[in-house]
């Protein structure tokens, strides 16, 4: 016999992920609702701030029959409570990274010298090093072309350098070749 508030002496507690709406049941009343989690002894499918369950917290999602909230994976976040499935986890915002599971907001901006399109889990993504002819200040979501009169002949830089007197850098070729001497 299942009792939602039972102790070992007087019955069997309702199992995790399920709820038992009344004492004396032979089986659970049903599954915990999506967006909520139910631990042992839940009396409702939608517990709120109870010892036996609650709304799914931010940074997590809870499909039907959840006993333990599932953290959103690294590279994603969920700012809203009551997430019902993996779709509640949003790709990390462009220019930012989400470095660990279970985040309610991005960890921080990506480091200068790298760029982060959405969904990144590292501040310095190894495959997103800023290319030659571009610069990537902190929080860049894409490489930026060096403006006219500036250049960058090294990868992984967060700013462009000024072309020395007597040289120019053509922004149309994205500054990716050696400086050109102007006689």
C-alpha atoms as a PDB file:
ATOM      1  CA  UNK A   1       0.000   0.000   0.000  1.00  0.00           C
ATOM      2  CA  UNK A   2       1.391   3.396  -1.036  1.00  0.00           C
ATOM      3  CA  UNK A   3       1.179   6.368   1.253  1.00  0.00           C
ATOM      4  CA  UNK A   4       2.579   9.701   0.051  1.00  0.00           C
ATOM      5  CA  UNK A   5       3.839  10.585   3.525  1.00  0.00           C
ATOM      6  CA  UNK A   6       4.603   7.073   4.777  1.00  0.00           C
ATOM      7  CA  UNK A   7       7.483   6.026   6.934  1.00  0.00           C
ATOM      8  CA  UNK A   8       9.041   2.566   6.822  1.00  0.00           C
ATOM      9  CA  UNK A   9       6.858   1.536   9.769  1.00  0.00           C
ATOM     10  CA  UNK A  10       3.462   2.361   8.267  1.00  0.00           C
ATOM     11  CA  UNK A  11       3.698   1.841   4.489  1.00  0.00           C
ATOM     12  CA  UNK A  12       5.613   2.426   1.294  1.00  0.00           C
ATOM     13  CA  UNK A  13       6.419   5.954   0.209  1.00  0.00           C
ATOM     14  CA  UNK A  14       5.366   7.090  -3.273  1.00  0.00           C
ATOM     15  CA  UNK A  15       8.366   6.562  -5.629  1.00  0.00           C
ATOM     16  CA  UNK A  16      10.475   9.368  -7.172  1.00  0.00           C
ATOM     17  CA  UNK A  17       9.086  10.871 -10.389  1.00  0.00           C
ATOM     18  CA  UNK A  18       5.556   9.800  -9.401  1.00  0.00           C
ATOM     19  CA  UNK A  19       2.890  11.237  -7.131  1.00  0.00           C
ATOM     20  CA  UNK A  20       0.315   9.622  -4.865  1.00  0.00           C
ATOM     21  CA  UNK A  21      -2.719  11.850  -4.455  1.00  0.00           C
ATOM     22  CA  UNK A  22      -4.098  10.064  -1.406  1.00  0.00           C
ATOM     23  CA  UNK A  23      -3.003   7.512   1.187  1.00  0.00           C
ATOM     24  CA  UNK A  24      -3.628   3.787   0.729  1.00  0.00           C
ATOM     25  CA  UNK A  25      -3.140   3.515  -3.040  1.00  0.00           C
ATOM     26  CA  UNK A  26      -1.973   0.263  -4.635  1.00  0.00           C
ATOM     27  CA  UNK A  27      -0.110   2.201  -7.364  1.00  0.00           C
ATOM     28  CA  UNK A  28       0.979   5.819  -7.879  1.00  0.00           C
ATOM     29  CA  UNK A  29      -1.685   8.252  -9.102  1.00  0.00           C
ATOM     30  CA  UNK A  30       0.550   9.240 -12.035  1.00  0.00           C
ATOM     31  CA  UNK A  31       3.774  10.822 -13.211  1.00  0.00           C
ATOM     32  CA  UNK A  32       5.139  14.122 -12.025  1.00  0.00           C
ATOM     33  CA  UNK A  33       4.190  16.779 -14.626  1.00  0.00           C
ATOM     34  CA  UNK A  34       6.696  18.199 -17.112  1.00  0.00           C
ATOM     35  CA  UNK A  35       8.301  21.344 -15.682  1.00  0.00           C
ATOM     36  CA  UNK A  36       8.298  19.894 -12.152  1.00  0.00           C
ATOM     37  CA  UNK A  37      10.254  17.272 -10.232  1.00  0.00           C
ATOM     38  CA  UNK A  38       8.937  14.891  -7.593  1.00  0.00           C
ATOM     39  CA  UNK A  39      11.091  13.168  -4.996  1.00  0.00           C
ATOM     40  CA  UNK A  40       9.858  10.393  -2.666  1.00  0.00           C
ATOM     41  CA  UNK A  41       6.452  11.048  -1.167  1.00  0.00           C
ATOM     42  CA  UNK A  42       5.012  13.610  -3.583  1.00  0.00           C
ATOM     43  CA  UNK A  43       1.281  14.186  -3.162  1.00  0.00           C
ATOM     44  CA  UNK A  44       0.785  16.220  -6.351  1.00  0.00           C
ATOM     45  CA  UNK A  45       1.986  16.166  -9.971  1.00  0.00           C
ATOM     46  CA  UNK A  46       2.860  19.867  -9.724  1.00  0.00           C
ATOM     47  CA  UNK A  47       4.613  20.491  -6.393  1.00  0.00           C
ATOM     48  CA  UNK A  48       5.765  24.019  -5.612  1.00  0.00           C
ATOM     49  CA  UNK A  49       8.479  24.620  -2.986  1.00  0.00           C
ATOM     50  CA  UNK A  50       7.716  21.416  -1.091  1.00  0.00           C
ATOM     51  CA  UNK A  51      10.064  18.965   0.603  1.00  0.00           C
ATOM     52  CA  UNK A  52       8.856  16.345  -1.894  1.00  0.00           C
ATOM     53  CA  UNK A  53       9.418  18.408  -5.080  1.00  0.00           C
ATOM     54  CA  UNK A  54       9.080  21.752  -6.777  1.00  0.00           C
ATOM     55  CA  UNK A  55       9.166  23.629 -10.071  1.00  0.00           C
ATOM     56  CA  UNK A  56      12.132  22.777 -12.257  1.00  0.00           C
ATOM     57  CA  UNK A  57      14.881  25.339 -11.487  1.00  0.00           C
ATOM     58  CA  UNK A  58      16.568  27.660 -13.975  1.00  0.00           C
ATOM     59  CA  UNK A  59      19.489  26.074 -15.826  1.00  0.00           C
ATOM     60  CA  UNK A  60      17.636  22.736 -15.911  1.00  0.00           C
ATOM     61  CA  UNK A  61      14.737  20.932 -17.551  1.00  0.00           C
ATOM     62  CA  UNK A  62      12.262  18.371 -16.219  1.00  0.00           C
ATOM     63  CA  UNK A  63      10.305  16.108 -18.595  1.00  0.00           C
ATOM     64  CA  UNK A  64       7.376  14.019 -17.279  1.00  0.00           C
ATOM     65  CA  UNK A  65       8.276  11.701 -14.378  1.00  0.00           C
ATOM     66  CA  UNK A  66      11.377  13.658 -13.332  1.00  0.00           C
ATOM     67  CA  UNK A  67      12.851  12.842  -9.936  1.00  0.00           C
ATOM     68  CA  UNK A  68      16.056  14.877 -10.381  1.00  0.00           C
ATOM     69  CA  UNK A  69      16.170  18.033 -12.584  1.00  0.00           C
ATOM     70  CA  UNK A  70      18.385  17.548 -15.658  1.00  0.00           C
ATOM     71  CA  UNK A  71      21.053  20.261 -16.125  1.00  0.00           C
ATOM     72  CA  UNK A  72      21.287  22.026 -19.468  1.00  0.00           C
ATOM     73  CA  UNK A  73      24.562  20.918 -21.110  1.00  0.00           C
ATOM     74  CA  UNK A  74      27.653  23.132 -21.378  1.00  0.00           C
ATOM     75  CA  UNK A  75      27.237  25.507 -24.335  1.00  0.00           C
ATOM     76  CA  UNK A  76      23.602  26.170 -23.370  1.00  0.00           C
ATOM     77  CA  UNK A  77      21.630  27.917 -20.621  1.00  0.00           C
ATOM     78  CA  UNK A  78      18.029  28.244 -19.446  1.00  0.00           C
ATOM     79  CA  UNK A  79      16.977  31.486 -17.709  1.00  0.00           C
ATOM     80  CA  UNK A  80      13.413  30.296 -17.095  1.00  0.00           C
ATOM     81  CA  UNK A  81      12.074  27.965 -14.401  1.00  0.00           C
ATOM     82  CA  UNK A  82       9.795  25.043 -15.335  1.00  0.00           C
ATOM     83  CA  UNK A  83      11.711  23.921 -18.439  1.00  0.00           C
ATOM     84  CA  UNK A  84       9.956  20.823 -19.789  1.00  0.00           C
ATOM     85  CA  UNK A  85      12.586  19.284 -22.059  1.00  0.00           C
ATOM     86  CA  UNK A  86      15.986  19.742 -23.727  1.00  0.00           C
ATOM     87  CA  UNK A  87      14.484  22.440 -25.992  1.00  0.00           C
ATOM     88  CA  UNK A  88      14.273  24.691 -22.891  1.00  0.00           C
ATOM     89  CA  UNK A  89      18.085  24.914 -23.032  1.00  0.00           C
ATOM     90  CA  UNK A  90      19.084  27.785 -25.334  1.00  0.00           C
ATOM     91  CA  UNK A  91      22.379  27.912 -27.249  1.00  0.00           C
ATOM     92  CA  UNK A  92      24.781  30.228 -25.461  1.00  0.00           C
ATOM     93  CA  UNK A  93      24.445  33.828 -26.665  1.00  0.00           C
ATOM     94  CA  UNK A  94      26.795  34.852 -29.500  1.00  0.00           C
ATOM     95  CA  UNK A  95      29.922  36.538 -28.121  1.00  0.00           C
ATOM     96  CA  UNK A  96      29.607  34.603 -24.852  1.00  0.00           C
ATOM     97  CA  UNK A  97      30.353  31.121 -23.563  1.00  0.00           C
ATOM     98  CA  UNK A  98      28.480  28.762 -21.243  1.00  0.00           C
ATOM     99  CA  UNK A  99      31.294  26.841 -19.596  1.00  0.00           C
ATOM    100  CA  UNK A 100      29.474  24.327 -17.414  1.00  0.00           C
ATOM    101  CA  UNK A 101      26.185  22.436 -17.203  1.00  0.00           C
ATOM    102  CA  UNK A 102      23.150  23.873 -15.412  1.00  0.00           C
ATOM    103  CA  UNK A 103      23.563  27.590 -16.147  1.00  0.00           C
ATOM    104  CA  UNK A 104      20.752  30.147 -15.907  1.00  0.00           C
ATOM    105  CA  UNK A 105      22.836  32.718 -17.860  1.00  0.00           C
ATOM    106  CA  UNK A 106      26.025  32.711 -19.967  1.00  0.00           C
ATOM    107  CA  UNK A 107      29.270  32.401 -17.971  1.00  0.00           C
ATOM    108  CA  UNK A 108      30.952  35.478 -19.484  1.00  0.00           C
ATOM    109  CA  UNK A 109      32.123  37.082 -22.735  1.00  0.00           C
ATOM    110  CA  UNK A 110      34.590  35.190 -24.921  1.00  0.00           C
ATOM    111  CA  UNK A 111      38.227  36.261 -24.596  1.00  0.00           C
ATOM    112  CA  UNK A 112      39.835  38.744 -26.983  1.00  0.00           C
ATOM    113  CA  UNK A 113      41.632  37.028 -29.880  1.00  0.00           C
ATOM    114  CA  UNK A 114      38.832  34.448 -30.250  1.00  0.00           C
ATOM    115  CA  UNK A 115      35.278  34.692 -31.489  1.00  0.00           C
ATOM    116  CA  UNK A 116      32.202  32.859 -30.303  1.00  0.00           C
ATOM    117  CA  UNK A 117      29.158  32.315 -32.476  1.00  0.00           C
ATOM    118  CA  UNK A 118      26.218  31.019 -30.426  1.00  0.00           C
ATOM    119  CA  UNK A 119      26.462  27.762 -28.487  1.00  0.00           C
ATOM    120  CA  UNK A 120      30.076  27.916 -27.281  1.00  0.00           C
ATOM    121  CA  UNK A 121      31.225  26.184 -24.097  1.00  0.00           C
ATOM    122  CA  UNK A 122      34.753  27.683 -23.906  1.00  0.00           C
ATOM    123  CA  UNK A 123      36.053  31.265 -23.562  1.00  0.00           C
ATOM    124  CA  UNK A 124      38.803  30.427 -26.071  1.00  0.00           C
ATOM    125  CA  UNK A 125      37.317  27.944 -28.574  1.00  0.00           C
ATOM    126  CA  UNK A 126      40.298  26.148 -30.141  1.00  0.00           C
ATOM    127  CA  UNK A 127      38.787  26.166 -33.634  1.00  0.00           C
ATOM    128  CA  UNK A 128      37.654  29.826 -33.501  1.00  0.00           C
ATOM    129  CA  UNK A 129      40.987  31.641 -33.287  1.00  0.00           C
ATOM    130  CA  UNK A 130      40.759  35.117 -34.844  1.00  0.00           C
ATOM    131  CA  UNK A 131      42.279  34.888 -38.375  1.00  0.00           C
ATOM    132  CA  UNK A 132      44.972  37.049 -39.970  1.00  0.00           C
ATOM    133  CA  UNK A 133      43.595  40.320 -41.360  1.00  0.00           C
ATOM    134  CA  UNK A 134      40.974  40.512 -38.628  1.00  0.00           C
ATOM    135  CA  UNK A 135      40.641  41.397 -34.983  1.00  0.00           C
ATOM    136  CA  UNK A 136      38.401  39.964 -32.282  1.00  0.00           C
ATOM    137  CA  UNK A 137      37.876  42.114 -29.178  1.00  0.00           C
ATOM    138  CA  UNK A 138      36.469  40.499 -26.027  1.00  0.00           C
ATOM    139  CA  UNK A 139      32.897  39.323 -26.670  1.00  0.00           C
ATOM    140  CA  UNK A 140      33.215  39.006 -30.472  1.00  0.00           C
ATOM    141  CA  UNK A 141      30.679  36.785 -32.214  1.00  0.00           C
ATOM    142  CA  UNK A 142      32.596  36.907 -35.537  1.00  0.00           C
ATOM    143  CA  UNK A 143      35.985  38.189 -36.758  1.00  0.00           C
ATOM    144  CA  UNK A 144      36.000  41.886 -37.667  1.00  0.00           C
ATOM    145  CA  UNK A 145      37.878  43.218 -40.705  1.00  0.00           C
ATOM    146  CA  UNK A 146      40.643  45.662 -39.922  1.00  0.00           C
ATOM    147  CA  UNK A 147      39.516  49.137 -41.046  1.00  0.00           C
ATOM    148  CA  UNK A 148      41.309  51.064 -43.794  1.00  0.00           C
ATOM    149  CA  UNK A 149      44.721  52.234 -42.625  1.00  0.00           C
ATOM    150  CA  UNK A 150      45.054  49.418 -40.103  1.00  0.00           C
ATOM    151  CA  UNK A 151      46.317  45.848 -40.467  1.00  0.00           C
ATOM    152  CA  UNK A 152      46.801  42.600 -38.626  1.00  0.00           C
ATOM    153  CA  UNK A 153      49.345  40.096 -39.890  1.00  0.00           C
ATOM    154  CA  UNK A 154      49.052  37.707 -36.916  1.00  0.00           C
ATOM    155  CA  UNK A 155      46.226  35.356 -35.913  1.00  0.00           C
ATOM    156  CA  UNK A 156      44.523  35.527 -32.519  1.00  0.00           C
ATOM    157  CA  UNK A 157      44.636  39.289 -32.043  1.00  0.00           C
ATOM    158  CA  UNK A 158      42.108  41.556 -30.328  1.00  0.00           C
ATOM    159  CA  UNK A 159      43.053  44.780 -32.155  1.00  0.00           C
ATOM    160  CA  UNK A 160      44.609  45.972 -35.424  1.00  0.00           C
ATOM    161  CA  UNK A 161      47.854  47.880 -35.772  1.00  0.00           C
ATOM    162  CA  UNK A 162      48.379  51.187 -37.596  1.00  0.00           C
ATOM    163  CA  UNK A 163      50.030  50.838 -41.005  1.00  0.00           C
ATOM    164  CA  UNK A 164      53.540  52.335 -40.849  1.00  0.00           C
ATOM    165  CA  UNK A 165      54.201  55.508 -42.810  1.00  0.00           C
ATOM    166  CA  UNK A 166      54.935  54.717 -46.450  1.00  0.00           C
ATOM    167  CA  UNK A 167      52.748  51.571 -46.439  1.00  0.00           C
ATOM    168  CA  UNK A 168      49.054  50.948 -46.868  1.00  0.00           C
ATOM    169  CA  UNK A 169      46.637  48.156 -46.210  1.00  0.00           C
ATOM    170  CA  UNK A 170      43.715  47.704 -48.586  1.00  0.00           C
ATOM    171  CA  UNK A 171      40.559  46.805 -46.646  1.00  0.00           C
ATOM    172  CA  UNK A 172      39.112  45.138 -49.764  1.00  0.00           C
ATOM    173  CA  UNK A 173      41.657  42.318 -49.494  1.00  0.00           C
ATOM    174  CA  UNK A 174      40.934  42.053 -45.748  1.00  0.00           C
ATOM    175  CA  UNK A 175      44.519  42.993 -44.865  1.00  0.00           C
ATOM    176  CA  UNK A 176      45.611  39.386 -45.074  1.00  0.00           C
ATOM    177  CA  UNK A 177      48.766  39.918 -47.101  1.00  0.00           C
ATOM    178  CA  UNK A 178      52.002  41.682 -46.278  1.00  0.00           C
ATOM    179  CA  UNK A 179      52.033  45.452 -46.133  1.00  0.00           C
ATOM    180  CA  UNK A 180      52.385  47.129 -49.502  1.00  0.00           C
ATOM    181  CA  UNK A 181      55.025  49.828 -49.883  1.00  0.00           C
ATOM    182  CA  UNK A 182      53.822  53.120 -51.358  1.00  0.00           C
ATOM    183  CA  UNK A 183      56.704  55.028 -52.988  1.00  0.00           C
END
